[in-house]
Amino acid sequence: MPKTPTHYTRAEAEQKLRELSNDEIDKATFYSEQVAALSRGAYDPRDLLNEACVRTLDGSRRWKRSLRGPEHLFGVMRSVQNSWLKRDKRAGVGHKRLVDSVESDEEAVVAEWPLEQMVELHEQAESLLASRKLDLVEKCVLSGFVEGLDPKAILESCRITANRYVDTLLSLSTKLSSDTGDKS
């Protein structure tokens, strides 16, 4: 029995990109803004998203069949951002990533939170916000996240510390996992 391919062919990936719905494009755009926020404005979200599409179309980034469009593009954008940061560092370009320019250990905790773990949280945000399972801080953090605020803005808006922010994200992830039946 032939093995099912794990990745789309270049032609299939091109077709999948053409078939993205408006909602999927909005999600991918949101993710590009979140990835760009990690670079403190060094990269334009549109450039990251465009480069992710180019790398998908030229075959340099293969698309796993298990991923939906926005999630695939998110992963490629993170990779693009990291490669651009390394390139710029080698070239001596003067901008700094958020994690390189934090003023305290507390800020570093916020800066190092991986966005990959928040993809599903964003997708389930409306149902979580509507539930009675969230406290005021959790609602504030989740609302800020959905609005696309960067971690510093969420800290200020919710009047919480970076450690409380990370604890809240962990709590939200746990609540999401229990709602979706995920045991991981």
C-alpha atoms as a PDB file:
ATOM      1  CA  MET A   1       0.000   0.000   0.000  1.00  0.00           C
ATOM      2  CA  PRO A   2       1.516   3.378  -1.024  1.00  0.00           C
ATOM      3  CA  LYS A   3       2.513   5.721   1.770  1.00  0.00           C
ATOM      4  CA  THR A   4       0.468   8.925   2.105  1.00  0.00           C
ATOM      5  CA  PRO A   5       2.687  11.976   1.467  1.00  0.00           C
ATOM      6  CA  THR A   6       3.310  14.116   4.566  1.00  0.00           C
ATOM      7  CA  HIS A   7       3.757  17.351   2.599  1.00  0.00           C
ATOM      8  CA  TYR A   8       1.948  19.055  -0.265  1.00  0.00           C
ATOM      9  CA  THR A   9       3.654  19.238  -3.642  1.00  0.00           C
ATOM     10  CA  ARG A  10       4.568  22.717  -4.889  1.00  0.00           C
ATOM     11  CA  ALA A  11       1.516  22.712  -7.172  1.00  0.00           C
ATOM     12  CA  GLU A  12      -0.755  21.618  -4.314  1.00  0.00           C
ATOM     13  CA  ALA A  13       0.731  24.264  -2.003  1.00  0.00           C
ATOM     14  CA  GLU A  14       0.133  26.933  -4.637  1.00  0.00           C
ATOM     15  CA  GLN A  15      -3.484  25.810  -4.964  1.00  0.00           C
ATOM     16  CA  LYS A  16      -3.924  25.780  -1.157  1.00  0.00           C
ATOM     17  CA  LEU A  17      -2.603  29.364  -0.945  1.00  0.00           C
ATOM     18  CA  ARG A  18      -5.025  30.455  -3.680  1.00  0.00           C
ATOM     19  CA  GLU A  19      -7.903  28.835  -1.776  1.00  0.00           C
ATOM     20  CA  LEU A  20      -7.279  30.563   1.568  1.00  0.00           C
ATOM     21  CA  SER A  21     -10.501  32.067   2.898  1.00  0.00           C
ATOM     22  CA  ASN A  22     -10.748  35.665   4.064  1.00  0.00           C
ATOM     23  CA  ASP A  23     -10.764  34.419   7.673  1.00  0.00           C
ATOM     24  CA  GLU A  24      -7.590  32.420   7.047  1.00  0.00           C
ATOM     25  CA  ILE A  25      -5.939  35.442   5.433  1.00  0.00           C
ATOM     26  CA  ASP A  26      -6.954  37.548   8.444  1.00  0.00           C
ATOM     27  CA  LYS A  27      -5.418  34.970  10.806  1.00  0.00           C
ATOM     28  CA  ALA A  28      -2.197  34.839   8.788  1.00  0.00           C
ATOM     29  CA  THR A  29      -2.068  38.642   8.835  1.00  0.00           C
ATOM     30  CA  PHE A  30      -2.595  38.650  12.603  1.00  0.00           C
ATOM     31  CA  TYR A  31       0.223  36.121  13.005  1.00  0.00           C
ATOM     32  CA  SER A  32       2.514  38.251  10.828  1.00  0.00           C
ATOM     33  CA  GLU A  33       1.857  41.220  13.114  1.00  0.00           C
ATOM     34  CA  GLN A  34       2.658  39.114  16.183  1.00  0.00           C
ATOM     35  CA  VAL A  35       5.894  37.810  14.669  1.00  0.00           C
ATOM     36  CA  ALA A  36       6.874  41.332  13.582  1.00  0.00           C
ATOM     37  CA  ALA A  37       6.211  42.595  17.118  1.00  0.00           C
ATOM     38  CA  LEU A  38       8.953  40.282  18.384  1.00  0.00           C
ATOM     39  CA  SER A  39      11.442  42.160  16.232  1.00  0.00           C
ATOM     40  CA  ARG A  40      10.367  45.525  17.716  1.00  0.00           C
ATOM     41  CA  GLY A  41       9.459  46.935  14.327  1.00  0.00           C
ATOM     42  CA  ALA A  42      12.633  45.820  12.551  1.00  0.00           C
ATOM     43  CA  TYR A  43      10.521  43.950   9.983  1.00  0.00           C
ATOM     44  CA  ASP A  44       7.247  44.826   8.357  1.00  0.00           C
ATOM     45  CA  PRO A  45       4.458  42.248   8.895  1.00  0.00           C
ATOM     46  CA  ARG A  46       3.593  42.354   5.178  1.00  0.00           C
ATOM     47  CA  ASP A  47       7.194  41.557   4.246  1.00  0.00           C
ATOM     48  CA  LEU A  48       7.180  38.559   6.586  1.00  0.00           C
ATOM     49  CA  LEU A  49       3.897  37.255   5.178  1.00  0.00           C
ATOM     50  CA  ASN A  50       4.975  37.822   1.576  1.00  0.00           C
ATOM     51  CA  GLU A  51       8.291  36.066   2.155  1.00  0.00           C
ATOM     52  CA  ALA A  52       6.462  33.129   3.767  1.00  0.00           C
ATOM     53  CA  CYS A  53       4.290  32.817   0.654  1.00  0.00           C
ATOM     54  CA  VAL A  54       7.303  33.089  -1.675  1.00  0.00           C
ATOM     55  CA  ARG A  55       9.209  30.396   0.227  1.00  0.00           C
ATOM     56  CA  THR A  56       6.152  28.151   0.121  1.00  0.00           C
ATOM     57  CA  LEU A  57       5.660  28.688  -3.603  1.00  0.00           C
ATOM     58  CA  ASP A  58       9.317  28.197  -4.531  1.00  0.00           C
ATOM     59  CA  GLY A  59       9.437  24.978  -2.518  1.00  0.00           C
ATOM     60  CA  SER A  60      12.132  26.103  -0.076  1.00  0.00           C
ATOM     61  CA  ARG A  61       9.564  25.678   2.717  1.00  0.00           C
ATOM     62  CA  ARG A  62       7.415  22.590   2.393  1.00  0.00           C
ATOM     63  CA  TRP A  63       3.844  22.609   3.710  1.00  0.00           C
ATOM     64  CA  LYS A  64       2.877  19.737   5.992  1.00  0.00           C
ATOM     65  CA  ARG A  65      -0.538  18.323   5.174  1.00  0.00           C
ATOM     66  CA  SER A  66      -1.392  18.332   8.880  1.00  0.00           C
ATOM     67  CA  LEU A  67      -1.235  22.150   9.064  1.00  0.00           C
ATOM     68  CA  ARG A  68      -3.869  24.641   8.006  1.00  0.00           C
ATOM     69  CA  GLY A  69      -2.776  27.633   5.933  1.00  0.00           C
ATOM     70  CA  PRO A  70      -2.374  30.241   8.694  1.00  0.00           C
ATOM     71  CA  GLU A  71      -0.438  27.849  10.918  1.00  0.00           C
ATOM     72  CA  HIS A  72       1.897  26.858   8.074  1.00  0.00           C
ATOM     73  CA  LEU A  73       2.539  30.503   7.218  1.00  0.00           C
ATOM     74  CA  PHE A  74       3.071  31.314  10.893  1.00  0.00           C
ATOM     75  CA  GLY A  75       5.845  28.733  11.136  1.00  0.00           C
ATOM     76  CA  VAL A  76       7.468  29.990   7.957  1.00  0.00           C
ATOM     77  CA  MET A  77       7.269  33.605   9.177  1.00  0.00           C
ATOM     78  CA  ARG A  78       8.998  32.668  12.434  1.00  0.00           C
ATOM     79  CA  SER A  79      11.719  30.947  10.422  1.00  0.00           C
ATOM     80  CA  VAL A  80      12.042  33.948   8.084  1.00  0.00           C
ATOM     81  CA  GLN A  81      12.284  36.331  11.027  1.00  0.00           C
ATOM     82  CA  ASN A  82      14.983  34.223  12.677  1.00  0.00           C
ATOM     83  CA  SER A  83      17.011  33.953   9.478  1.00  0.00           C
ATOM     84  CA  TRP A  84      16.711  37.706   8.843  1.00  0.00           C
ATOM     85  CA  LEU A  85      17.792  38.454  12.417  1.00  0.00           C
ATOM     86  CA  LYS A  86      20.852  36.207  12.041  1.00  0.00           C
ATOM     87  CA  ARG A  87      21.677  37.781   8.673  1.00  0.00           C
ATOM     88  CA  ASP A  88      21.342  41.282  10.097  1.00  0.00           C
ATOM     89  CA  LYS A  89      23.415  40.411  13.144  1.00  0.00           C
ATOM     90  CA  ARG A  90      26.216  39.103  10.895  1.00  0.00           C
ATOM     91  CA  ALA A  91      25.974  42.283   8.823  1.00  0.00           C
ATOM     92  CA  GLY A  92      26.071  44.459  11.946  1.00  0.00           C
ATOM     93  CA  VAL A  93      22.618  45.982  11.430  1.00  0.00           C
ATOM     94  CA  GLY A  94      21.749  48.059  14.498  1.00  0.00           C
ATOM     95  CA  HIS A  95      18.222  46.980  15.469  1.00  0.00           C
ATOM     96  CA  LYS A  96      17.609  44.675  18.400  1.00  0.00           C
ATOM     97  CA  ARG A  97      15.040  41.998  19.007  1.00  0.00           C
ATOM     98  CA  LEU A  98      12.818  42.359  22.010  1.00  0.00           C
ATOM     99  CA  VAL A  99      14.645  39.534  23.781  1.00  0.00           C
ATOM    100  CA  ASP A 100      17.993  41.256  23.183  1.00  0.00           C
ATOM    101  CA  SER A 101      16.921  44.636  24.499  1.00  0.00           C
ATOM    102  CA  VAL A 102      14.928  43.896  27.612  1.00  0.00           C
ATOM    103  CA  GLU A 103      15.714  45.954  30.672  1.00  0.00           C
ATOM    104  CA  SER A 104      14.979  43.302  33.274  1.00  0.00           C
ATOM    105  CA  ASP A 105      14.674  39.563  33.759  1.00  0.00           C
ATOM    106  CA  GLU A 106      10.921  40.036  34.142  1.00  0.00           C
ATOM    107  CA  GLU A 107      10.642  41.482  30.629  1.00  0.00           C
ATOM    108  CA  ALA A 108      12.735  38.614  29.260  1.00  0.00           C
ATOM    109  CA  VAL A 109      10.144  36.158  30.563  1.00  0.00           C
ATOM    110  CA  VAL A 110       7.499  37.912  28.440  1.00  0.00           C
ATOM    111  CA  ALA A 111       9.759  38.220  25.419  1.00  0.00           C
ATOM    112  CA  GLU A 112      10.594  34.525  25.361  1.00  0.00           C
ATOM    113  CA  TRP A 113       6.985  33.274  25.355  1.00  0.00           C
ATOM    114  CA  PRO A 114       6.669  31.210  22.139  1.00  0.00           C
ATOM    115  CA  LEU A 115       3.838  32.348  19.891  1.00  0.00           C
ATOM    116  CA  GLU A 116       3.366  28.850  18.488  1.00  0.00           C
ATOM    117  CA  GLN A 117       1.718  27.892  21.777  1.00  0.00           C
ATOM    118  CA  MET A 118      -0.754  30.742  21.416  1.00  0.00           C
ATOM    119  CA  VAL A 119      -2.068  29.899  17.935  1.00  0.00           C
ATOM    120  CA  GLU A 120      -4.811  27.598  19.219  1.00  0.00           C
ATOM    121  CA  LEU A 121      -5.528  29.999  22.078  1.00  0.00           C
ATOM    122  CA  HIS A 122      -6.267  32.740  19.538  1.00  0.00           C
ATOM    123  CA  GLU A 123      -8.558  30.449  17.562  1.00  0.00           C
ATOM    124  CA  GLN A 124     -10.575  29.608  20.688  1.00  0.00           C
ATOM    125  CA  ALA A 125     -10.486  33.102  22.219  1.00  0.00           C
ATOM    126  CA  GLU A 126     -14.137  33.985  21.607  1.00  0.00           C
ATOM    127  CA  SER A 127     -15.483  30.885  23.297  1.00  0.00           C
ATOM    128  CA  LEU A 128     -13.077  31.332  26.213  1.00  0.00           C
ATOM    129  CA  LEU A 129     -14.014  35.000  26.624  1.00  0.00           C
ATOM    130  CA  ALA A 130     -17.703  34.074  26.587  1.00  0.00           C
ATOM    131  CA  SER A 131     -17.214  31.374  29.205  1.00  0.00           C
ATOM    132  CA  ARG A 132     -17.508  31.967  32.922  1.00  0.00           C
ATOM    133  CA  LYS A 133     -14.248  30.127  33.494  1.00  0.00           C
ATOM    134  CA  LEU A 134     -11.971  33.180  33.264  1.00  0.00           C
ATOM    135  CA  ASP A 135     -11.047  35.642  35.993  1.00  0.00           C
ATOM    136  CA  LEU A 136     -10.659  39.367  35.247  1.00  0.00           C
ATOM    137  CA  VAL A 137      -6.915  39.177  34.607  1.00  0.00           C
ATOM    138  CA  GLU A 138      -7.341  36.231  32.236  1.00  0.00           C
ATOM    139  CA  LYS A 139     -10.041  38.114  30.319  1.00  0.00           C
ATOM    140  CA  CYS A 140      -7.848  41.222  30.136  1.00  0.00           C
ATOM    141  CA  VAL A 141      -4.791  39.319  28.874  1.00  0.00           C
ATOM    142  CA  LEU A 142      -6.791  37.303  26.353  1.00  0.00           C
ATOM    143  CA  SER A 143      -8.577  40.411  25.077  1.00  0.00           C
ATOM    144  CA  GLY A 144      -5.241  42.187  24.619  1.00  0.00           C
ATOM    145  CA  PHE A 145      -3.819  39.173  22.826  1.00  0.00           C
ATOM    146  CA  VAL A 146      -6.817  38.998  20.466  1.00  0.00           C
ATOM    147  CA  GLU A 147      -6.518  42.737  19.770  1.00  0.00           C
ATOM    148  CA  GLY A 148      -2.931  42.150  18.681  1.00  0.00           C
ATOM    149  CA  LEU A 149      -1.308  44.095  21.507  1.00  0.00           C
ATOM    150  CA  ASP A 150       2.322  43.299  22.190  1.00  0.00           C
ATOM    151  CA  PRO A 151       3.209  41.810  25.598  1.00  0.00           C
ATOM    152  CA  LYS A 152       4.377  45.158  27.044  1.00  0.00           C
ATOM    153  CA  ALA A 153       1.082  46.826  26.097  1.00  0.00           C
ATOM    154  CA  ILE A 154      -0.872  43.949  27.670  1.00  0.00           C
ATOM    155  CA  LEU A 155       1.167  44.304  30.871  1.00  0.00           C
ATOM    156  CA  GLU A 156       0.368  48.010  31.017  1.00  0.00           C
ATOM    157  CA  SER A 157      -3.278  47.602  30.062  1.00  0.00           C
ATOM    158  CA  CYS A 158      -3.908  44.830  32.589  1.00  0.00           C
ATOM    159  CA  ARG A 159      -1.595  46.346  35.225  1.00  0.00           C
ATOM    160  CA  ILE A 160       0.203  43.079  35.835  1.00  0.00           C
ATOM    161  CA  THR A 161       3.801  41.892  36.057  1.00  0.00           C
ATOM    162  CA  ALA A 162       5.515  39.857  33.378  1.00  0.00           C
ATOM    163  CA  ASN A 163       5.455  36.813  35.630  1.00  0.00           C
ATOM    164  CA  ARG A 164       1.699  37.207  36.156  1.00  0.00           C
ATOM    165  CA  TYR A 165       1.317  37.515  32.381  1.00  0.00           C
ATOM    166  CA  VAL A 166       3.150  34.237  31.763  1.00  0.00           C
ATOM    167  CA  ASP A 167       1.223  32.521  34.566  1.00  0.00           C
ATOM    168  CA  THR A 168      -2.007  33.764  33.013  1.00  0.00           C
ATOM    169  CA  LEU A 169      -1.033  32.444  29.558  1.00  0.00           C
ATOM    170  CA  LEU A 170      -0.270  29.066  31.104  1.00  0.00           C
ATOM    171  CA  SER A 171      -3.620  29.122  32.877  1.00  0.00           C
ATOM    172  CA  LEU A 172      -5.409  30.005  29.638  1.00  0.00           C
ATOM    173  CA  SER A 173      -3.604  27.187  27.827  1.00  0.00           C
ATOM    174  CA  THR A 174      -4.656  24.751  30.530  1.00  0.00           C
ATOM    175  CA  LYS A 175      -8.272  25.885  30.313  1.00  0.00           C
ATOM    176  CA  LEU A 176      -8.168  25.606  26.534  1.00  0.00           C
ATOM    177  CA  SER A 177      -6.716  22.087  26.740  1.00  0.00           C
ATOM    178  CA  SER A 178      -9.418  20.983  29.144  1.00  0.00           C
ATOM    179  CA  ASP A 179     -12.128  22.495  26.903  1.00  0.00           C
ATOM    180  CA  THR A 180     -10.807  20.791  23.762  1.00  0.00           C
ATOM    181  CA  GLY A 181     -10.053  17.505  25.452  1.00  0.00           C
ATOM    182  CA  ASP A 182      -6.325  17.747  24.708  1.00  0.00           C
ATOM    183  CA  LYS A 183      -4.337  15.752  27.233  1.00  0.00           C
ATOM    184  CA  SER A 184      -0.890  16.990  26.195  1.00  0.00           C
END
